[in-house]
Amino acid sequence: MSSDAPSPTPGPSLGSGGQPDRDARVLALAEYVRANRDAFTDEALRQAAADAGYDEREIAAAWAVSAEPVRGRTASANAIGIVIAYFVGVFVLASIVSAIPEASALGLPVIGIGLLGAVFAWLSLRDSNPPLAYAFRNGVILLIVLPVVLSLVAFGICIVGLATFGAALGAG
């Protein structure tokens, strides 16, 4: 590791609002730290940041932000896969229960319980695993909105079909 780190490019300076510009500076410095932490010592990076005009609060905040894992497509893709597997499992279980003659009426309640479980997962994972919570939220919304939209489309097709059929009867 080298002890002479290149100077970070300072983020935007503080404007009249103060906070948003400070946040942008901290995020810019955090990116600089992530990019250079393997090549330079912490002390060299801190000194380079101070020399570039960052104050101690910005440097401390940037170090905290740079220590957090970067959430990218991988976390979101894994979360989406987990939610798809969950809902497929719920529908497979509902299909199995519906296929049993003695329990065929329990298929819909199984789906309802699965939907409630997804809502619970969404609400309980908001702070600990945001990508998974976001995926569960989208799954819940999709499973509520999709049947309503499909029903409205089917209703519209029926109305148009009946109007066309009625017009054909009246003309003939």
Protein backbone atom coordinates (compact mmCIF):
# COMPACT_ATOMS: atom_id res chain seq x y z
CA MET A 1 0.00 0.00 0.00
CA SER A 2 1.22 3.43 -0.86
CA SER A 3 1.14 6.36 1.50
CA ASP A 4 0.70 9.15 -1.09
CA ALA A 5 -2.88 8.99 -2.34
CA PRO A 6 -4.06 11.01 -5.32
CA SER A 7 -6.23 13.97 -4.43
CA PRO A 8 -9.96 13.28 -4.59
CA THR A 9 -12.04 15.49 -6.82
CA PRO A 10 -14.11 17.61 -4.49
CA GLY A 11 -17.86 17.30 -4.87
CA PRO A 12 -20.05 20.35 -5.28
CA SER A 13 -19.39 23.05 -2.72
CA LEU A 14 -21.98 24.04 -0.19
CA GLY A 15 -24.70 26.21 -1.64
CA SER A 16 -27.36 28.23 0.11
CA GLY A 17 -29.29 25.06 1.06
CA GLY A 18 -26.24 23.40 2.59
CA GLN A 19 -27.35 19.79 3.12
CA PRO A 20 -27.92 18.43 -0.43
CA ASP A 21 -24.55 19.77 -1.57
CA ARG A 22 -22.84 18.28 1.51
CA ASP A 23 -24.48 14.93 0.75
CA ALA A 24 -23.18 15.02 -2.81
CA ARG A 25 -19.68 15.81 -1.53
CA VAL A 26 -19.84 12.90 0.95
CA LEU A 27 -21.03 10.48 -1.76
CA ALA A 28 -18.27 11.64 -4.12
CA LEU A 29 -15.65 11.15 -1.40
CA ALA A 30 -17.10 7.72 -0.51
CA GLU A 31 -16.70 6.63 -4.15
CA TYR A 32 -13.12 7.88 -4.07
CA VAL A 33 -12.45 5.86 -0.89
CA ARG A 34 -14.01 2.70 -2.37
CA ALA A 35 -11.93 3.06 -5.53
CA ASN A 36 -8.63 3.66 -3.70
CA ARG A 37 -8.83 1.82 -0.37
CA ASP A 38 -6.93 -1.22 -1.66
CA ALA A 39 -4.05 0.84 -3.07
CA PHE A 40 -3.52 3.40 -0.27
CA THR A 41 -3.53 3.54 3.51
CA ASP A 42 -6.50 5.00 5.33
CA GLU A 43 -4.32 7.79 6.67
CA ALA A 44 -3.14 8.72 3.16
CA LEU A 45 -6.72 8.77 1.88
CA ARG A 46 -7.89 10.88 4.82
CA GLN A 47 -5.01 13.32 4.32
CA ALA A 48 -5.71 13.58 0.58
CA ALA A 49 -9.38 14.29 1.35
CA ALA A 50 -8.45 16.98 3.88
CA ASP A 51 -6.01 18.52 1.39
CA ALA A 52 -8.81 18.59 -1.22
CA GLY A 53 -10.99 20.70 1.10
CA TYR A 54 -13.19 18.13 2.83
CA ASP A 55 -13.88 18.81 6.51
CA GLU A 56 -13.69 16.18 9.26
CA ARG A 57 -17.45 15.57 9.32
CA GLU A 58 -17.52 14.92 5.57
CA ILE A 59 -14.52 12.59 5.83
CA ALA A 60 -16.07 10.63 8.71
CA ALA A 61 -19.41 10.39 6.88
CA ALA A 62 -17.70 9.26 3.67
CA TRP A 63 -15.83 6.53 5.54
CA ALA A 64 -19.10 5.29 7.03
CA VAL A 65 -20.82 5.32 3.63
CA SER A 66 -17.88 3.62 1.91
CA ALA A 67 -17.96 0.80 4.47
CA GLU A 68 -21.56 -0.07 3.53
CA PRO A 69 -21.89 -2.70 0.81
CA VAL A 70 -22.92 -1.30 -2.54
CA ARG A 71 -26.34 -2.62 -3.46
CA GLY A 72 -26.51 -3.30 -7.13
CA ARG A 73 -28.26 -5.51 -9.62
CA THR A 74 -27.11 -8.66 -7.83
CA ALA A 75 -29.05 -7.91 -4.65
CA SER A 76 -32.13 -6.93 -6.63
CA ALA A 77 -31.90 -9.93 -8.96
CA ASN A 78 -31.57 -12.29 -5.99
CA ALA A 79 -34.52 -10.63 -4.27
CA ILE A 80 -36.69 -10.92 -7.38
CA GLY A 81 -35.75 -14.60 -7.70
CA ILE A 82 -36.67 -15.24 -4.06
CA VAL A 83 -40.05 -13.52 -4.45
CA ILE A 84 -40.84 -15.39 -7.67
CA ALA A 85 -39.94 -18.70 -5.97
CA TYR A 86 -42.13 -17.74 -2.98
CA PHE A 87 -45.20 -16.97 -5.11
CA VAL A 88 -44.68 -20.02 -7.33
CA GLY A 89 -44.50 -22.11 -4.15
CA VAL A 90 -47.73 -20.53 -2.85
CA PHE A 91 -49.55 -21.28 -6.11
CA VAL A 92 -48.17 -24.83 -6.29
CA LEU A 93 -49.32 -25.44 -2.71
CA ALA A 94 -52.75 -23.96 -3.53
CA SER A 95 -52.98 -26.22 -6.60
CA ILE A 96 -52.08 -29.30 -4.57
CA VAL A 97 -54.62 -28.43 -1.88
CA SER A 98 -57.29 -27.76 -4.54
CA ALA A 99 -56.61 -31.14 -6.16
CA ILE A 100 -57.44 -32.99 -2.95
CA PRO A 101 -61.23 -33.57 -3.02
CA GLU A 102 -61.67 -33.23 0.75
CA ALA A 103 -59.76 -29.91 0.84
CA SER A 104 -60.56 -28.41 -2.56
CA ALA A 105 -62.27 -25.39 -1.00
CA LEU A 106 -59.04 -24.41 0.77
CA GLY A 107 -57.11 -23.43 -2.38
CA LEU A 108 -58.18 -19.78 -2.31
CA PRO A 109 -57.49 -19.35 1.43
CA VAL A 110 -53.97 -20.74 0.85
CA ILE A 111 -53.38 -18.01 -1.73
CA GLY A 112 -54.76 -15.42 0.71
CA ILE A 113 -52.45 -16.64 3.47
CA GLY A 114 -49.54 -16.56 1.03
CA LEU A 115 -50.41 -12.97 0.10
CA LEU A 116 -50.60 -11.99 3.77
CA GLY A 117 -47.22 -13.65 4.32
CA ALA A 118 -45.80 -11.55 1.48
CA VAL A 119 -47.22 -8.37 3.01
CA PHE A 120 -45.69 -9.33 6.36
CA ALA A 121 -42.32 -10.02 4.68
CA TRP A 122 -42.50 -6.69 2.87
CA LEU A 123 -43.20 -4.76 6.08
CA SER A 124 -40.73 -6.64 8.27
CA LEU A 125 -37.79 -6.52 5.80
CA ARG A 126 -37.97 -2.80 4.97
CA ASP A 127 -35.01 -1.90 7.18
CA SER A 128 -32.97 -5.10 7.21
CA ASN A 129 -33.16 -6.05 3.51
CA PRO A 130 -34.57 -3.25 1.34
CA PRO A 131 -34.16 -5.02 -2.05
CA LEU A 132 -36.10 -8.05 -0.82
CA ALA A 133 -38.78 -5.86 0.79
CA TYR A 134 -39.08 -3.89 -2.45
CA ALA A 135 -39.46 -7.11 -4.45
CA PHE A 136 -42.16 -8.41 -2.06
CA ARG A 137 -43.97 -5.06 -2.31
CA ASN A 138 -43.97 -5.26 -6.09
CA GLY A 139 -45.14 -8.87 -5.96
CA VAL A 140 -48.04 -7.99 -3.66
CA ILE A 141 -49.06 -5.06 -5.85
CA LEU A 142 -48.82 -7.19 -8.97
CA LEU A 143 -50.94 -9.99 -7.47
CA ILE A 144 -53.63 -7.53 -6.43
CA VAL A 145 -53.66 -5.29 -9.52
CA LEU A 146 -53.21 -7.95 -12.22
CA PRO A 147 -56.48 -9.85 -11.57
CA VAL A 148 -58.42 -6.56 -11.39
CA VAL A 149 -56.96 -5.35 -14.71
CA LEU A 150 -57.57 -8.71 -16.39
CA SER A 151 -61.16 -8.75 -15.11
CA LEU A 152 -61.77 -5.25 -16.48
CA VAL A 153 -60.30 -6.25 -19.85
CA ALA A 154 -62.51 -9.37 -19.97
CA PHE A 155 -65.55 -7.27 -18.98
CA GLY A 156 -64.76 -4.77 -21.74
CA ILE A 157 -64.42 -7.54 -24.32
CA CYS A 158 -67.77 -8.96 -23.23
CA ILE A 159 -69.47 -5.56 -23.49
CA VAL A 160 -68.04 -4.95 -26.98
CA GLY A 161 -68.99 -8.49 -28.03
CA LEU A 162 -72.56 -8.10 -26.76
CA ALA A 163 -72.94 -4.71 -28.45
CA THR A 164 -71.65 -6.14 -31.73
CA PHE A 165 -73.89 -9.22 -31.40
CA GLY A 166 -76.91 -7.02 -30.60
CA ALA A 167 -76.20 -4.76 -33.58
CA ALA A 168 -75.92 -7.83 -35.83
CA LEU A 169 -79.27 -9.17 -34.58
CA GLY A 170 -80.96 -5.80 -35.08
CA ALA A 171 -79.66 -5.47 -38.64
CA GLY A 172 -80.61 -8.98 -39.64
